[in-house]
Amino acid sequence: AAKQAGVWCRQCLFIDDLEENLKAAAAVGMKTHLFKDAPTLR
C-alpha cells in the first residue's frame, strides 16, 4: 500500500478499528490510529 502510494511506510498514518491490524502497520513503521468514532478521528 505504501509503495502504491509512492511513499515510505513511516510517512503513512494507518487508521483501523482492529488492534491486530494496527500492530502490523506499526511493525512496518506506519503511524496508527485506533478508529472508534469520527469525532475522535477528527
PDB file of all heavy atoms in Angstrom:
ATOM      1  N   ALA A   1       0.836  -1.209   0.000  1.00  0.00           N
ATOM      2  CA  ALA A   1       0.000   0.000   0.000  1.00  0.00           C
ATOM      3  C   ALA A   1       0.867   1.253   0.000  1.00  0.00           C
ATOM      4  O   ALA A   1       0.603   2.200  -0.759  1.00  0.00           O
ATOM      5  CB  ALA A   1      -0.935  -0.005   1.207  1.00  0.00           C
ATOM      6  N   ALA A   2       1.895   1.276   0.823  1.00  0.00           N
ATOM      7  CA  ALA A   2       2.797   2.429   0.858  1.00  0.00           C
ATOM      8  C   ALA A   2       3.501   2.600  -0.492  1.00  0.00           C
ATOM      9  O   ALA A   2       3.601   3.711  -1.021  1.00  0.00           O
ATOM     10  CB  ALA A   2       3.823   2.275   1.978  1.00  0.00           C
ATOM     11  N   LYS A   3       3.949   1.492  -1.053  1.00  0.00           N
ATOM     12  CA  LYS A   3       4.625   1.544  -2.358  1.00  0.00           C
ATOM     13  C   LYS A   3       3.688   2.102  -3.423  1.00  0.00           C
ATOM     14  O   LYS A   3       4.074   2.953  -4.226  1.00  0.00           O
ATOM     15  CB  LYS A   3       5.128   0.151  -2.749  1.00  0.00           C
ATOM     16  CG  LYS A   3       5.886   0.129  -4.052  1.00  0.00           C
ATOM     17  CD  LYS A   3       6.415  -1.264  -4.355  1.00  0.00           C
ATOM     18  CE  LYS A   3       7.162  -1.261  -5.663  1.00  0.00           C
ATOM     19  NZ  LYS A   3       7.680  -2.589  -6.000  1.00  0.00           N
ATOM     20  N   GLN A   4       2.433   1.615  -3.441  1.00  0.00           N
ATOM     21  CA  GLN A   4       1.479   2.118  -4.433  1.00  0.00           C
ATOM     22  C   GLN A   4       1.146   3.590  -4.210  1.00  0.00           C
ATOM     23  O   GLN A   4       0.828   4.304  -5.162  1.00  0.00           O
ATOM     24  CB  GLN A   4       0.200   1.271  -4.421  1.00  0.00           C
ATOM     25  CG  GLN A   4       0.395  -0.091  -5.044  1.00  0.00           C
ATOM     26  CD  GLN A   4      -0.890  -0.865  -5.193  1.00  0.00           C
ATOM     27  OE1 GLN A   4      -1.985  -0.326  -5.118  1.00  0.00           O
ATOM     28  NE2 GLN A   4      -0.774  -2.168  -5.429  1.00  0.00           N
ATOM     29  N   ALA A   5       1.245   4.042  -2.966  1.00  0.00           N
ATOM     30  CA  ALA A   5       1.015   5.460  -2.670  1.00  0.00           C
ATOM     31  C   ALA A   5       2.235   6.304  -3.014  1.00  0.00           C
ATOM     32  O   ALA A   5       2.157   7.533  -3.054  1.00  0.00           O
ATOM     33  CB  ALA A   5       0.657   5.639  -1.193  1.00  0.00           C
ATOM     34  N   GLY A   6       3.360   5.634  -3.251  1.00  0.00           N
ATOM     35  CA  GLY A   6       4.587   6.355  -3.603  1.00  0.00           C
ATOM     36  C   GLY A   6       5.260   7.003  -2.406  1.00  0.00           C
ATOM     37  O   GLY A   6       5.929   8.027  -2.542  1.00  0.00           O
ATOM     38  N   VAL A   7       5.076   6.389  -1.225  1.00  0.00           N
ATOM     39  CA  VAL A   7       5.673   6.931  -0.003  1.00  0.00           C
ATOM     40  C   VAL A   7       6.313   5.811   0.808  1.00  0.00           C
ATOM     41  O   VAL A   7       6.082   4.629   0.554  1.00  0.00           O
ATOM     42  CB  VAL A   7       4.617   7.665   0.868  1.00  0.00           C
ATOM     43  CG1 VAL A   7       4.039   8.861   0.126  1.00  0.00           C
ATOM     44  CG2 VAL A   7       3.504   6.716   1.299  1.00  0.00           C
ATOM     45  N   TRP A   8       7.111   6.212   1.789  1.00  0.00           N
ATOM     46  CA  TRP A   8       7.690   5.252   2.724  1.00  0.00           C
ATOM     47  C   TRP A   8       6.629   4.916   3.771  1.00  0.00           C
ATOM     48  O   TRP A   8       5.772   5.736   4.079  1.00  0.00           O
ATOM     49  CB  TRP A   8       8.920   5.846   3.429  1.00  0.00           C
ATOM     50  CG  TRP A   8      10.030   6.194   2.496  1.00  0.00           C
ATOM     51  CD1 TRP A   8      10.345   7.435   2.034  1.00  0.00           C
ATOM     52  CD2 TRP A   8      10.967   5.294   1.920  1.00  0.00           C
ATOM     53  NE1 TRP A   8      11.418   7.366   1.199  1.00  0.00           N
ATOM     54  CE2 TRP A   8      11.831   6.060   1.107  1.00  0.00           C
ATOM     55  CE3 TRP A   8      11.175   3.913   2.002  1.00  0.00           C
ATOM     56  CZ2 TRP A   8      12.866   5.497   0.388  1.00  0.00           C
ATOM     57  CZ3 TRP A   8      12.218   3.362   1.286  1.00  0.00           C
ATOM     58  CH2 TRP A   8      13.045   4.139   0.495  1.00  0.00           C
ATOM     59  N   CYS A   9       6.714   3.737   4.343  1.00  0.00           N
ATOM     60  CA  CYS A   9       5.769   3.344   5.394  1.00  0.00           C
ATOM     61  C   CYS A   9       5.767   4.364   6.527  1.00  0.00           C
ATOM     62  O   CYS A   9       4.711   4.693   7.067  1.00  0.00           O
ATOM     63  CB  CYS A   9       6.108   1.955   5.935  1.00  0.00           C
ATOM     64  SG  CYS A   9       5.704   0.600   4.803  1.00  0.00           S
ATOM     65  N   ARG A  10       6.922   4.890   6.888  1.00  0.00           N
ATOM     66  CA  ARG A  10       6.998   5.840   8.006  1.00  0.00           C
ATOM     67  C   ARG A  10       6.280   7.153   7.710  1.00  0.00           C
ATOM     68  O   ARG A  10       6.033   7.949   8.606  1.00  0.00           O
ATOM     69  CB  ARG A  10       8.449   6.077   8.404  1.00  0.00           C
ATOM     70  CG  ARG A  10       9.268   6.807   7.364  1.00  0.00           C
ATOM     71  CD  ARG A  10      10.707   7.042   7.860  1.00  0.00           C
ATOM     72  NE  ARG A  10      11.477   7.727   6.862  1.00  0.00           N
ATOM     73  CZ  ARG A  10      12.208   7.160   5.923  1.00  0.00           C
ATOM     74  NH1 ARG A  10      12.264   5.838   5.862  1.00  0.00           N
ATOM     75  NH2 ARG A  10      12.879   7.875   5.054  1.00  0.00           N
ATOM     76  N   GLN A  11       5.909   7.385   6.456  1.00  0.00           N
ATOM     77  CA  GLN A  11       5.170   8.586   6.080  1.00  0.00           C
ATOM     78  C   GLN A  11       3.657   8.374   6.139  1.00  0.00           C
ATOM     79  O   GLN A  11       2.902   9.310   5.898  1.00  0.00           O
ATOM     80  CB  GLN A  11       5.566   9.018   4.670  1.00  0.00           C
ATOM     81  CG  GLN A  11       7.016   9.448   4.543  1.00  0.00           C
ATOM     82  CD  GLN A  11       7.383   9.714   3.096  1.00  0.00           C
ATOM     83  OE1 GLN A  11       7.550   8.780   2.307  1.00  0.00           O
ATOM     84  NE2 GLN A  11       7.477  10.983   2.751  1.00  0.00           N
ATOM     85  N   CYS A  12       3.229   7.163   6.466  1.00  0.00           N
ATOM     86  CA  CYS A  12       1.807   6.815   6.433  1.00  0.00           C
ATOM     87  C   CYS A  12       1.177   6.860   7.822  1.00  0.00           C
ATOM     88  O   CYS A  12       1.803   6.504   8.811  1.00  0.00           O
ATOM     89  CB  CYS A  12       1.622   5.393   5.892  1.00  0.00           C
ATOM     90  SG  CYS A  12       2.161   5.166   4.196  1.00  0.00           S
ATOM     91  N   LEU A  13      -0.072   7.270   7.836  1.00  0.00           N
ATOM     92  CA  LEU A  13      -0.926   7.115   9.012  1.00  0.00           C
ATOM     93  C   LEU A  13      -1.967   6.078   8.633  1.00  0.00           C
ATOM     94  O   LEU A  13      -2.745   6.286   7.700  1.00  0.00           O
ATOM     95  CB  LEU A  13      -1.603   8.435   9.390  1.00  0.00           C
ATOM     96  CG  LEU A  13      -2.677   8.331  10.480  1.00  0.00           C
ATOM     97  CD1 LEU A  13      -2.069   7.837  11.798  1.00  0.00           C
ATOM     98  CD2 LEU A  13      -3.385   9.667  10.659  1.00  0.00           C
ATOM     99  N   PHE A  14      -1.973   4.971   9.350  1.00  0.00           N
ATOM    100  CA  PHE A  14      -2.912   3.891   9.086  1.00  0.00           C
ATOM    101  C   PHE A  14      -4.015   3.941  10.133  1.00  0.00           C
ATOM    102  O   PHE A  14      -3.751   3.935  11.337  1.00  0.00           O
ATOM    103  CB  PHE A  14      -2.201   2.528   9.109  1.00  0.00           C
ATOM    104  CG  PHE A  14      -3.124   1.378   8.910  1.00  0.00           C
ATOM    105  CD1 PHE A  14      -3.696   1.130   7.677  1.00  0.00           C
ATOM    106  CD2 PHE A  14      -3.448   0.538   9.963  1.00  0.00           C
ATOM    107  CE1 PHE A  14      -4.574   0.067   7.486  1.00  0.00           C
ATOM    108  CE2 PHE A  14      -4.315  -0.529   9.792  1.00  0.00           C
ATOM    109  CZ  PHE A  14      -4.880  -0.759   8.548  1.00  0.00           C
ATOM    110  N   ILE A  15      -5.257   3.977   9.689  1.00  0.00           N
ATOM    111  CA  ILE A  15      -6.426   4.063  10.564  1.00  0.00           C
ATOM    112  C   ILE A  15      -7.219   2.770  10.423  1.00  0.00           C
ATOM    113  O   ILE A  15      -7.554   2.363   9.307  1.00  0.00           O
ATOM    114  CB  ILE A  15      -7.296   5.278  10.170  1.00  0.00           C
ATOM    115  CG1 ILE A  15      -6.470   6.552  10.267  1.00  0.00           C
ATOM    116  CG2 ILE A  15      -8.546   5.342  11.036  1.00  0.00           C
ATOM    117  CD1 ILE A  15      -7.070   7.737   9.523  1.00  0.00           C
ATOM    118  N   ASP A  16      -7.510   2.139  11.557  1.00  0.00           N
ATOM    119  CA  ASP A  16      -8.233   0.871  11.529  1.00  0.00           C
ATOM    120  C   ASP A  16      -8.933   0.684  12.868  1.00  0.00           C
ATOM    121  O   ASP A  16      -8.551   1.303  13.866  1.00  0.00           O
ATOM    122  CB  ASP A  16      -7.259  -0.289  11.279  1.00  0.00           C
ATOM    123  CG  ASP A  16      -7.939  -1.523  10.710  1.00  0.00           C
ATOM    124  OD1 ASP A  16      -8.580  -2.262  11.477  1.00  0.00           O
ATOM    125  OD2 ASP A  16      -7.813  -1.748   9.496  1.00  0.00           O
ATOM    126  N   ASP A  17      -9.920  -0.178  12.886  1.00  0.00           N
ATOM    127  CA  ASP A  17     -10.643  -0.434  14.129  1.00  0.00           C
ATOM    128  C   ASP A  17     -10.199  -1.725  14.821  1.00  0.00           C
ATOM    129  O   ASP A  17     -10.775  -2.108  15.833  1.00  0.00           O
ATOM    130  CB  ASP A  17     -12.155  -0.461  13.885  1.00  0.00           C
ATOM    131  CG  ASP A  17     -12.583  -1.537  12.901  1.00  0.00           C
ATOM    132  OD1 ASP A  17     -11.721  -2.134  12.223  1.00  0.00           O
ATOM    133  OD2 ASP A  17     -13.800  -1.784  12.806  1.00  0.00           O
ATOM    134  N   LEU A  18      -9.163  -2.373  14.299  1.00  0.00           N
ATOM    135  CA  LEU A  18      -8.668  -3.614  14.897  1.00  0.00           C
ATOM    136  C   LEU A  18      -7.215  -3.458  15.333  1.00  0.00           C
ATOM    137  O   LEU A  18      -6.344  -3.112  14.525  1.00  0.00           O
ATOM    138  CB  LEU A  18      -8.775  -4.778  13.907  1.00  0.00           C
ATOM    139  CG  LEU A  18     -10.185  -5.176  13.460  1.00  0.00           C
ATOM    140  CD1 LEU A  18     -10.118  -6.289  12.437  1.00  0.00           C
ATOM    141  CD2 LEU A  18     -11.023  -5.597  14.657  1.00  0.00           C
ATOM    142  N   GLU A  19      -6.970  -3.722  16.611  1.00  0.00           N
ATOM    143  CA  GLU A  19      -5.617  -3.620  17.172  1.00  0.00           C
ATOM    144  C   GLU A  19      -4.613  -4.478  16.409  1.00  0.00           C
ATOM    145  O   GLU A  19      -3.484  -4.068  16.186  1.00  0.00           O
ATOM    146  CB  GLU A  19      -5.622  -4.036  18.649  1.00  0.00           C
ATOM    147  CG  GLU A  19      -6.191  -3.013  19.577  1.00  0.00           C
ATOM    148  CD  GLU A  19      -5.234  -1.864  19.876  1.00  0.00           C
ATOM    149  OE1 GLU A  19      -4.038  -1.942  19.527  1.00  0.00           O
ATOM    150  OE2 GLU A  19      -5.714  -0.878  20.450  1.00  0.00           O
ATOM    151  N   GLU A  20      -5.036  -5.679  16.018  1.00  0.00           N
ATOM    152  CA  GLU A  20      -4.147  -6.595  15.302  1.00  0.00           C
ATOM    153  C   GLU A  20      -3.594  -5.950  14.033  1.00  0.00           C
ATOM    154  O   GLU A  20      -2.407  -6.063  13.718  1.00  0.00           O
ATOM    155  CB  GLU A  20      -4.923  -7.874  14.967  1.00  0.00           C
ATOM    156  CG  GLU A  20      -4.149  -8.886  14.154  1.00  0.00           C
ATOM    157  CD  GLU A  20      -4.992 -10.097  13.776  1.00  0.00           C
ATOM    158  OE1 GLU A  20      -6.228  -9.976  13.646  1.00  0.00           O
ATOM    159  OE2 GLU A  20      -4.385 -11.156  13.592  1.00  0.00           O
ATOM    160  N   ASN A  21      -4.450  -5.231  13.318  1.00  0.00           N
ATOM    161  CA  ASN A  21      -4.012  -4.569  12.094  1.00  0.00           C
ATOM    162  C   ASN A  21      -3.105  -3.380  12.402  1.00  0.00           C
ATOM    163  O   ASN A  21      -2.154  -3.105  11.665  1.00  0.00           O
ATOM    164  CB  ASN A  21      -5.218  -4.132  11.275  1.00  0.00           C
ATOM    165  CG  ASN A  21      -6.014  -5.315  10.767  1.00  0.00           C
ATOM    166  OD1 ASN A  21      -5.492  -6.416  10.609  1.00  0.00           O
ATOM    167  ND2 ASN A  21      -7.294  -5.104  10.521  1.00  0.00           N
ATOM    168  N   LEU A  22      -3.397  -2.670  13.477  1.00  0.00           N
ATOM    169  CA  LEU A  22      -2.559  -1.532  13.865  1.00  0.00           C
ATOM    170  C   LEU A  22      -1.159  -1.996  14.256  1.00  0.00           C
ATOM    171  O   LEU A  22      -0.168  -1.349  13.905  1.00  0.00           O
ATOM    172  CB  LEU A  22      -3.204  -0.760  15.018  1.00  0.00           C
ATOM    173  CG  LEU A  22      -4.544  -0.113  14.700  1.00  0.00           C
ATOM    174  CD1 LEU A  22      -5.130   0.536  15.939  1.00  0.00           C
ATOM    175  CD2 LEU A  22      -4.421   0.899  13.573  1.00  0.00           C
ATOM    176  N   LYS A  23      -1.071  -3.106  14.956  1.00  0.00           N
ATOM    177  CA  LYS A  23       0.238  -3.649  15.350  1.00  0.00           C
ATOM    178  C   LYS A  23       1.060  -4.007  14.113  1.00  0.00           C
ATOM    179  O   LYS A  23       2.263  -3.746  14.051  1.00  0.00           O
ATOM    180  CB  LYS A  23       0.069  -4.866  16.247  1.00  0.00           C
ATOM    181  CG  LYS A  23      -0.399  -4.518  17.642  1.00  0.00           C
ATOM    182  CD  LYS A  23      -0.603  -5.762  18.480  1.00  0.00           C
ATOM    183  CE  LYS A  23      -1.168  -5.392  19.837  1.00  0.00           C
ATOM    184  NZ  LYS A  23      -1.509  -6.565  20.640  1.00  0.00           N
ATOM    185  N   ALA A  24       0.418  -4.601  13.129  1.00  0.00           N
ATOM    186  CA  ALA A  24       1.124  -4.973  11.903  1.00  0.00           C
ATOM    187  C   ALA A  24       1.585  -3.732  11.147  1.00  0.00           C
ATOM    188  O   ALA A  24       2.697  -3.689  10.630  1.00  0.00           O
ATOM    189  CB  ALA A  24       0.226  -5.828  11.017  1.00  0.00           C
ATOM    190  N   ALA A  25       0.733  -2.703  11.096  1.00  0.00           N
ATOM    191  CA  ALA A  25       1.105  -1.455  10.425  1.00  0.00           C
ATOM    192  C   ALA A  25       2.275  -0.795  11.147  1.00  0.00           C
ATOM    193  O   ALA A  25       3.232  -0.317  10.515  1.00  0.00           O
ATOM    194  CB  ALA A  25      -0.092  -0.509  10.360  1.00  0.00           C
ATOM    195  N   ALA A  26       2.226  -0.767  12.472  1.00  0.00           N
ATOM    196  CA  ALA A  26       3.311  -0.171  13.257  1.00  0.00           C
ATOM    197  C   ALA A  26       4.615  -0.947  13.063  1.00  0.00           C
ATOM    198  O   ALA A  26       5.696  -0.352  13.036  1.00  0.00           O
ATOM    199  CB  ALA A  26       2.924  -0.119  14.730  1.00  0.00           C
ATOM    200  N   ALA A  27       4.510  -2.255  12.894  1.00  0.00           N
ATOM    201  CA  ALA A  27       5.699  -3.096  12.710  1.00  0.00           C
ATOM    202  C   ALA A  27       6.460  -2.752  11.428  1.00  0.00           C
ATOM    203  O   ALA A  27       7.664  -2.979  11.345  1.00  0.00           O
ATOM    204  CB  ALA A  27       5.314  -4.572  12.718  1.00  0.00           C
ATOM    205  N   VAL A  28       5.757  -2.199  10.428  1.00  0.00           N
ATOM    206  CA  VAL A  28       6.452  -1.783   9.196  1.00  0.00           C
ATOM    207  C   VAL A  28       6.780  -0.292   9.218  1.00  0.00           C
ATOM    208  O   VAL A  28       7.267   0.250   8.236  1.00  0.00           O
ATOM    209  CB  VAL A  28       5.657  -2.151   7.913  1.00  0.00           C
ATOM    210  CG1 VAL A  28       5.486  -3.662   7.802  1.00  0.00           C
ATOM    211  CG2 VAL A  28       4.335  -1.424   7.830  1.00  0.00           C
ATOM    212  N   GLY A  29       6.489   0.379  10.336  1.00  0.00           N
ATOM    213  CA  GLY A  29       6.873   1.774  10.503  1.00  0.00           C
ATOM    214  C   GLY A  29       5.767   2.796  10.351  1.00  0.00           C
ATOM    215  O   GLY A  29       6.017   4.000  10.430  1.00  0.00           O
ATOM    216  N   MET A  30       4.550   2.346  10.110  1.00  0.00           N
ATOM    217  CA  MET A  30       3.448   3.300   9.947  1.00  0.00           C
ATOM    218  C   MET A  30       3.002   3.847  11.299  1.00  0.00           C
ATOM    219  O   MET A  30       3.032   3.154  12.307  1.00  0.00           O
ATOM    220  CB  MET A  30       2.252   2.629   9.260  1.00  0.00           C
ATOM    221  CG  MET A  30       2.495   2.257   7.835  1.00  0.00           C
ATOM    222  SD  MET A  30       1.005   1.512   7.109  1.00  0.00           S
ATOM    223  CE  MET A  30       1.536   1.312   5.417  1.00  0.00           C
ATOM    224  N   LYS A  31       2.572   5.093  11.295  1.00  0.00           N
ATOM    225  CA  LYS A  31       1.882   5.654  12.449  1.00  0.00           C
ATOM    226  C   LYS A  31       0.467   5.086  12.402  1.00  0.00           C
ATOM    227  O   LYS A  31      -0.021   4.743  11.333  1.00  0.00           O
ATOM    228  CB  LYS A  31       1.863   7.183  12.364  1.00  0.00           C
ATOM    229  CG  LYS A  31       3.240   7.816  12.417  1.00  0.00           C
ATOM    230  CD  LYS A  31       3.129   9.300  12.072  1.00  0.00           C
ATOM    231  CE  LYS A  31       4.282   9.819  11.295  1.00  0.00           C
ATOM    232  NZ  LYS A  31       4.554   9.258  10.014  1.00  0.00           N
ATOM    233  N   THR A  32      -0.190   5.010  13.554  1.00  0.00           N
ATOM    234  CA  THR A  32      -1.505   4.378  13.578  1.00  0.00           C
ATOM    235  C   THR A  32      -2.502   5.182  14.406  1.00  0.00           C
ATOM    236  O   THR A  32      -2.126   5.979  15.268  1.00  0.00           O
ATOM    237  CB  THR A  32      -1.428   2.951  14.160  1.00  0.00           C
ATOM    238  OG1 THR A  32      -0.990   3.005  15.509  1.00  0.00           O
ATOM    239  CG2 THR A  32      -0.503   2.067  13.337  1.00  0.00           C
ATOM    240  N   HIS A  33      -3.764   4.940  14.108  1.00  0.00           N
ATOM    241  CA  HIS A  33      -4.879   5.493  14.877  1.00  0.00           C
ATOM    242  C   HIS A  33      -5.932   4.404  15.013  1.00  0.00           C
ATOM    243  O   HIS A  33      -6.370   3.846  14.006  1.00  0.00           O
ATOM    244  CB  HIS A  33      -5.484   6.713  14.171  1.00  0.00           C
ATOM    245  CG  HIS A  33      -6.753   7.193  14.811  1.00  0.00           C
ATOM    246  ND1 HIS A  33      -6.755   8.110  15.833  1.00  0.00           N
ATOM    247  CD2 HIS A  33      -8.049   6.854  14.597  1.00  0.00           C
ATOM    248  CE1 HIS A  33      -8.017   8.328  16.214  1.00  0.00           C
ATOM    249  NE2 HIS A  33      -8.814   7.577  15.477  1.00  0.00           N
ATOM    250  N   LEU A  34      -6.329   4.125  16.264  1.00  0.00           N
ATOM    251  CA  LEU A  34      -7.396   3.166  16.505  1.00  0.00           C
ATOM    252  C   LEU A  34      -8.721   3.885  16.311  1.00  0.00           C
ATOM    253  O   LEU A  34      -9.070   4.785  17.077  1.00  0.00           O
ATOM    254  CB  LEU A  34      -7.320   2.587  17.922  1.00  0.00           C
ATOM    255  CG  LEU A  34      -8.447   1.634  18.317  1.00  0.00           C
ATOM    256  CD1 LEU A  34      -8.460   0.391  17.416  1.00  0.00           C
ATOM    257  CD2 LEU A  34      -8.308   1.225  19.779  1.00  0.00           C
ATOM    258  N   PHE A  35      -9.460   3.504  15.266  1.00  0.00           N
ATOM    259  CA  PHE A  35     -10.732   4.167  14.976  1.00  0.00           C
ATOM    260  C   PHE A  35     -11.802   3.708  15.953  1.00  0.00           C
ATOM    261  O   PHE A  35     -12.052   2.519  16.107  1.00  0.00           O
ATOM    262  CB  PHE A  35     -11.193   3.876  13.543  1.00  0.00           C
ATOM    263  CG  PHE A  35     -12.488   4.560  13.230  1.00  0.00           C
ATOM    264  CD1 PHE A  35     -12.493   5.899  12.873  1.00  0.00           C
ATOM    265  CD2 PHE A  35     -13.694   3.887  13.330  1.00  0.00           C
ATOM    266  CE1 PHE A  35     -13.696   6.553  12.616  1.00  0.00           C
ATOM    267  CE2 PHE A  35     -14.896   4.535  13.072  1.00  0.00           C
ATOM    268  CZ  PHE A  35     -14.895   5.871  12.713  1.00  0.00           C
ATOM    269  N   LYS A  36     -12.419   4.709  16.605  1.00  0.00           N
ATOM    270  CA  LYS A  36     -13.558   4.454  17.486  1.00  0.00           C
ATOM    271  C   LYS A  36     -14.780   5.197  16.981  1.00  0.00           C
ATOM    272  O   LYS A  36     -15.864   4.658  16.961  1.00  0.00           O
ATOM    273  CB  LYS A  36     -13.228   4.866  18.910  1.00  0.00           C
ATOM    274  CG  LYS A  36     -12.144   4.013  19.532  1.00  0.00           C
ATOM    275  CD  LYS A  36     -11.854   4.398  20.949  1.00  0.00           C
ATOM    276  CE  LYS A  36     -10.723   3.508  21.470  1.00  0.00           C
ATOM    277  NZ  LYS A  36     -10.283   3.864  22.777  1.00  0.00           N
ATOM    278  N   ASP A  37     -14.560   6.447  16.581  1.00  0.00           N
ATOM    279  CA  ASP A  37     -15.655   7.255  16.057  1.00  0.00           C
ATOM    280  C   ASP A  37     -15.064   8.459  15.315  1.00  0.00           C
ATOM    281  O   ASP A  37     -13.882   8.767  15.440  1.00  0.00           O
ATOM    282  CB  ASP A  37     -16.605   7.711  17.167  1.00  0.00           C
ATOM    283  CG  ASP A  37     -15.908   8.476  18.281  1.00  0.00           C
ATOM    284  OD1 ASP A  37     -15.119   9.397  17.984  1.00  0.00           O
ATOM    285  OD2 ASP A  37     -16.152   8.158  19.457  1.00  0.00           O
ATOM    286  N   ALA A  38     -15.902   9.108  14.538  1.00  0.00           N
ATOM    287  CA  ALA A  38     -15.444  10.226  13.703  1.00  0.00           C
ATOM    288  C   ALA A  38     -14.933  11.413  14.519  1.00  0.00           C
ATOM    289  O   ALA A  38     -13.898  11.987  14.156  1.00  0.00           O
ATOM    290  CB  ALA A  38     -16.554  10.652  12.750  1.00  0.00           C
ATOM    291  N   PRO A  39     -15.598  11.828  15.605  1.00  0.00           N
ATOM    292  CA  PRO A  39     -15.071  12.972  16.367  1.00  0.00           C
ATOM    293  C   PRO A  39     -13.659  12.726  16.920  1.00  0.00           C
ATOM    294  O   PRO A  39     -12.810  13.614  16.892  1.00  0.00           O
ATOM    295  CB  PRO A  39     -16.092  13.151  17.498  1.00  0.00           C
ATOM    296  CG  PRO A  39     -17.362  12.594  16.955  1.00  0.00           C
ATOM    297  CD  PRO A  39     -16.936  11.433  16.102  1.00  0.00           C
ATOM    298  N   THR A  40     -13.415  11.501  17.400  1.00  0.00           N
ATOM    299  CA  THR A  40     -12.086  11.171  17.917  1.00  0.00           C
ATOM    300  C   THR A  40     -11.057  11.177  16.790  1.00  0.00           C
ATOM    301  O   THR A  40      -9.942  11.672  16.956  1.00  0.00           O
ATOM    302  CB  THR A  40     -12.116   9.796  18.622  1.00  0.00           C
ATOM    303  OG1 THR A  40     -13.124   9.810  19.620  1.00  0.00           O
ATOM    304  CG2 THR A  40     -10.779   9.467  19.253  1.00  0.00           C
ATOM    305  N   LEU A  41     -11.428  10.661  15.634  1.00  0.00           N
ATOM    306  CA  LEU A  41     -10.538  10.677  14.476  1.00  0.00           C
ATOM    307  C   LEU A  41     -10.234  12.113  14.067  1.00  0.00           C
ATOM    308  O   LEU A  41      -9.075  12.474  13.848  1.00  0.00           O
ATOM    309  CB  LEU A  41     -11.153   9.914  13.302  1.00  0.00           C
ATOM    310  CG  LEU A  41     -10.382   9.968  11.984  1.00  0.00           C
ATOM    311  CD1 LEU A  41      -8.971   9.422  12.140  1.00  0.00           C
ATOM    312  CD2 LEU A  41     -11.151   9.227  10.894  1.00  0.00           C
ATOM    313  N   ARG A  42     -11.251  12.944  13.962  1.00  0.00           N
ATOM    314  CA  ARG A  42     -11.051  14.343  13.574  1.00  0.00           C
ATOM    315  C   ARG A  42     -10.097  15.041  14.551  1.00  0.00           C
ATOM    316  O   ARG A  42      -9.184  15.756  14.151  1.00  0.00           O
ATOM    317  CB  ARG A  42     -12.384  15.078  13.493  1.00  0.00           C
ATOM    318  CG  ARG A  42     -12.250  16.506  12.967  1.00  0.00           C
ATOM    319  CD  ARG A  42     -13.602  17.166  12.771  1.00  0.00           C
ATOM    320  NE  ARG A  42     -14.331  16.674  11.626  1.00  0.00           N
ATOM    321  CZ  ARG A  42     -14.094  17.025  10.365  1.00  0.00           C
ATOM    322  NH1 ARG A  42     -13.139  17.885  10.071  1.00  0.00           N
ATOM    323  NH2 ARG A  42     -14.827  16.535   9.382  1.00  0.00           N
TER     324      ARG A  42
END
